[in-house]
Amino acid sequence: VKPMTPRCTVPKAVPVGKTASLHCHENEGYPKSTYSWYRNSEPLSPDSRSNAKLHNSSYTLNPSTGTLVFHAVHKGDTGRYSCIATNDAGFAKCEEQEMEV
């Protein structure tokens, strides 16, 4: 079963240095969906250290729960975030949401 549009929760504004949790979830898809996050339409790697562009970001992305946690946000984390739920039958994307730091 193709995933339905996931429900994304993105904080509107987060003070510099604070933790920010972004959530993405849908429960129609079968097999269970995996989740990937995008900032300004660029995919966020599951490992922040492996991407040179994100070397200042410190975050944890869990593809099976759809949770993206920034441990200490900085100005560079500001942007439009969206999430895609994917399984063998297809994928669905939530609306982009702005997070300001």
Protein backbone atom coordinates (compact mmCIF):
# COMPACT_ATOMS: atom_id res chain seq x y z
CA VAL A 1 0.00 0.00 0.00
CA LYS A 2 1.40 3.36 -1.04
CA PRO A 3 2.08 5.75 1.86
CA MET A 4 -0.38 8.59 2.41
CA THR A 5 0.88 12.17 2.80
CA PRO A 6 2.88 12.16 6.05
CA ARG A 7 2.07 14.52 8.89
CA CYS A 8 5.08 16.76 9.45
CA THR A 9 5.72 18.78 12.58
CA VAL A 10 8.36 21.50 12.23
CA PRO A 11 8.95 24.13 14.94
CA LYS A 12 8.38 27.67 13.59
CA ALA A 13 11.22 29.34 15.49
CA VAL A 14 14.03 27.93 17.62
CA PRO A 15 16.61 29.94 19.61
CA VAL A 16 20.26 29.44 18.58
CA GLY A 17 21.91 26.63 20.56
CA LYS A 18 18.63 24.95 21.52
CA THR A 19 17.38 21.49 20.56
CA ALA A 20 14.82 21.25 17.76
CA SER A 21 12.77 18.13 17.02
CA LEU A 22 11.05 17.65 13.66
CA HIS A 23 8.63 14.78 13.22
CA CYS A 24 7.23 13.01 10.19
CA HIS A 25 4.73 10.16 10.28
CA GLU A 26 2.13 8.31 8.27
CA ASN A 27 0.49 4.98 9.06
CA GLU A 28 -1.33 3.86 5.90
CA GLY A 29 1.71 2.57 4.03
CA TYR A 30 2.47 -1.15 3.91
CA PRO A 31 5.21 -2.28 4.24
CA LYS A 32 6.05 0.35 6.85
CA SER A 33 7.44 3.57 5.40
CA THR A 34 10.94 4.88 5.82
CA TYR A 35 11.40 8.63 6.05
CA SER A 36 13.83 11.07 4.54
CA TRP A 37 14.10 14.79 5.28
CA TYR A 38 14.92 17.67 2.95
CA ARG A 39 16.03 21.21 3.66
CA ASN A 40 15.35 23.70 0.85
CA SER A 41 14.78 20.67 -1.42
CA GLU A 42 18.23 19.23 -0.64
CA PRO A 43 18.23 15.75 0.94
CA LEU A 44 19.58 15.58 4.49
CA SER A 45 21.97 12.68 4.89
CA PRO A 46 21.13 10.25 7.73
CA ASP A 47 24.59 11.11 9.08
CA SER A 48 25.34 14.84 9.44
CA ARG A 49 29.09 14.20 9.51
CA SER A 50 29.15 12.55 6.09
CA ASN A 51 27.94 15.63 4.22
CA ALA A 52 30.42 18.48 3.75
CA LYS A 53 27.61 21.00 3.26
CA LEU A 54 26.17 20.11 6.63
CA HIS A 55 29.40 19.83 8.60
CA ASN A 56 28.25 22.59 10.96
CA SER A 57 24.95 20.89 11.64
CA SER A 58 24.70 18.44 14.44
CA TYR A 59 21.57 16.36 14.05
CA THR A 60 20.25 12.82 14.29
CA LEU A 61 17.90 11.47 11.65
CA ASN A 62 16.02 8.25 12.28
CA PRO A 63 14.68 6.91 8.93
CA SER A 64 12.38 4.38 10.61
CA THR A 65 10.63 6.83 12.99
CA GLY A 66 10.86 9.95 10.81
CA THR A 67 12.34 11.99 13.63
CA LEU A 68 14.98 14.64 12.88
CA VAL A 69 16.61 16.16 15.97
CA PHE A 70 19.02 19.09 15.90
CA HIS A 71 21.10 19.01 19.08
CA ALA A 72 22.11 22.67 18.98
CA VAL A 73 20.64 24.68 16.12
CA HIS A 74 22.55 27.49 14.45
CA LYS A 75 21.57 30.13 11.88
CA GLY A 76 22.52 27.80 9.01
CA ASP A 77 19.76 25.38 10.03
CA THR A 78 17.09 27.94 9.07
CA GLY A 79 15.16 26.81 6.00
CA ARG A 80 12.18 25.05 4.51
CA TYR A 81 11.89 21.46 5.70
CA SER A 82 9.88 18.67 4.14
CA CYS A 83 9.75 14.93 4.55
CA ILE A 84 9.12 12.01 2.21
CA ALA A 85 7.64 8.69 3.34
CA THR A 86 8.73 5.81 1.07
CA ASN A 87 7.93 2.10 0.79
CA ASP A 88 7.91 -0.54 -1.95
CA ALA A 89 4.60 0.77 -3.30
CA GLY A 90 5.58 4.41 -3.70
CA PHE A 91 6.15 7.60 -1.75
CA ALA A 92 4.35 10.67 -0.42
CA LYS A 93 5.67 14.07 0.60
CA CYS A 94 4.43 16.59 3.14
CA GLU A 95 4.21 20.34 2.58
CA GLU A 96 7.41 22.30 3.14
CA GLN A 97 7.46 24.16 6.44
CA GLU A 98 9.72 27.02 7.45
CA MET A 99 11.94 26.74 10.53
CA GLU A 100 13.64 29.91 11.66
CA VAL A 101 16.64 29.96 13.95
